[in-house]
């Protein structure tokens, strides 16, 4: 199973770009991207989304 990532909105959008520049096959999204929770979503709601989307959260 391929690991899928979700970046917290507090992380720079440039991080997603840098990861994809290193390896474009990595499945990485950021909160606020299409098909992710919108910006300012409360943490408990993001955790629910992580479970249903089967993504690993990166935050600071």
C-alpha atoms as a PDB file:
ATOM      1  CA  UNK A   1       0.000   0.000   0.000  1.00  0.00           C
ATOM      2  CA  UNK A   2       1.334   3.399  -0.984  1.00  0.00           C
ATOM      3  CA  UNK A   3       1.655   5.934   1.850  1.00  0.00           C
ATOM      4  CA  UNK A   4      -0.428   9.069   1.289  1.00  0.00           C
ATOM      5  CA  UNK A   5       0.388  12.324   3.049  1.00  0.00           C
ATOM      6  CA  UNK A   6      -1.551  15.398   4.161  1.00  0.00           C
ATOM      7  CA  UNK A   7       0.352  18.542   5.116  1.00  0.00           C
ATOM      8  CA  UNK A   8      -1.065  20.771   7.821  1.00  0.00           C
ATOM      9  CA  UNK A   9      -2.036  24.253   6.633  1.00  0.00           C
ATOM     10  CA  UNK A  10       0.590  25.761   8.970  1.00  0.00           C
ATOM     11  CA  UNK A  11       3.351  24.219   6.875  1.00  0.00           C
ATOM     12  CA  UNK A  12       4.578  26.215   3.911  1.00  0.00           C
ATOM     13  CA  UNK A  13       2.961  25.406   0.559  1.00  0.00           C
ATOM     14  CA  UNK A  14       6.533  25.345  -0.747  1.00  0.00           C
ATOM     15  CA  UNK A  15       7.124  22.107   1.179  1.00  0.00           C
ATOM     16  CA  UNK A  16       4.633  20.263  -1.030  1.00  0.00           C
ATOM     17  CA  UNK A  17       6.288  21.691  -4.143  1.00  0.00           C
ATOM     18  CA  UNK A  18       9.749  20.690  -2.902  1.00  0.00           C
ATOM     19  CA  UNK A  19       8.637  17.122  -2.129  1.00  0.00           C
ATOM     20  CA  UNK A  20       7.046  16.760  -5.553  1.00  0.00           C
ATOM     21  CA  UNK A  21      10.187  18.157  -7.218  1.00  0.00           C
ATOM     22  CA  UNK A  22      12.211  15.441  -5.524  1.00  0.00           C
ATOM     23  CA  UNK A  23       9.742  12.670  -6.351  1.00  0.00           C
ATOM     24  CA  UNK A  24       6.614  13.461  -8.339  1.00  0.00           C
ATOM     25  CA  UNK A  25       5.066  10.067  -7.604  1.00  0.00           C
ATOM     26  CA  UNK A  26       4.582  10.874  -3.896  1.00  0.00           C
ATOM     27  CA  UNK A  27       0.902  11.273  -3.038  1.00  0.00           C
ATOM     28  CA  UNK A  28       0.940  14.500  -1.036  1.00  0.00           C
ATOM     29  CA  UNK A  29      -1.786  17.072  -0.460  1.00  0.00           C
ATOM     30  CA  UNK A  30      -2.105  20.094   1.803  1.00  0.00           C
ATOM     31  CA  UNK A  31      -5.111  21.170   3.850  1.00  0.00           C
ATOM     32  CA  UNK A  32      -6.995  23.578   1.618  1.00  0.00           C
ATOM     33  CA  UNK A  33      -6.224  21.674  -1.601  1.00  0.00           C
ATOM     34  CA  UNK A  34      -9.153  20.250  -3.597  1.00  0.00           C
ATOM     35  CA  UNK A  35     -10.603  17.121  -1.933  1.00  0.00           C
ATOM     36  CA  UNK A  36      -9.047  17.991   1.444  1.00  0.00           C
ATOM     37  CA  UNK A  37     -10.490  19.782   4.459  1.00  0.00           C
ATOM     38  CA  UNK A  38     -10.722  23.551   3.914  1.00  0.00           C
ATOM     39  CA  UNK A  39      -8.341  25.966   5.608  1.00  0.00           C
ATOM     40  CA  UNK A  40      -9.198  26.655   9.283  1.00  0.00           C
ATOM     41  CA  UNK A  41     -10.817  23.234   9.746  1.00  0.00           C
ATOM     42  CA  UNK A  42     -10.684  22.257  13.442  1.00  0.00           C
ATOM     43  CA  UNK A  43      -8.135  19.556  14.280  1.00  0.00           C
ATOM     44  CA  UNK A  44     -10.733  16.940  15.336  1.00  0.00           C
ATOM     45  CA  UNK A  45     -12.388  17.253  11.922  1.00  0.00           C
ATOM     46  CA  UNK A  46      -9.038  16.865  10.174  1.00  0.00           C
ATOM     47  CA  UNK A  47      -8.425  13.668  12.148  1.00  0.00           C
ATOM     48  CA  UNK A  48     -11.764  12.291  10.972  1.00  0.00           C
ATOM     49  CA  UNK A  49     -10.825  13.133   7.390  1.00  0.00           C
ATOM     50  CA  UNK A  50      -7.427  11.463   7.807  1.00  0.00           C
ATOM     51  CA  UNK A  51      -9.107   8.252   8.843  1.00  0.00           C
ATOM     52  CA  UNK A  52     -11.479   8.231   5.889  1.00  0.00           C
ATOM     53  CA  UNK A  53      -8.836   9.315   3.349  1.00  0.00           C
ATOM     54  CA  UNK A  54      -6.169   7.037   4.857  1.00  0.00           C
ATOM     55  CA  UNK A  55      -3.501   9.735   4.873  1.00  0.00           C
ATOM     56  CA  UNK A  56      -0.633  10.439   7.250  1.00  0.00           C
ATOM     57  CA  UNK A  57      -0.581  13.971   8.688  1.00  0.00           C
ATOM     58  CA  UNK A  58       2.531  16.138   8.775  1.00  0.00           C
ATOM     59  CA  UNK A  59       2.280  19.147  11.041  1.00  0.00           C
ATOM     60  CA  UNK A  60       4.490  21.409  13.112  1.00  0.00           C
END
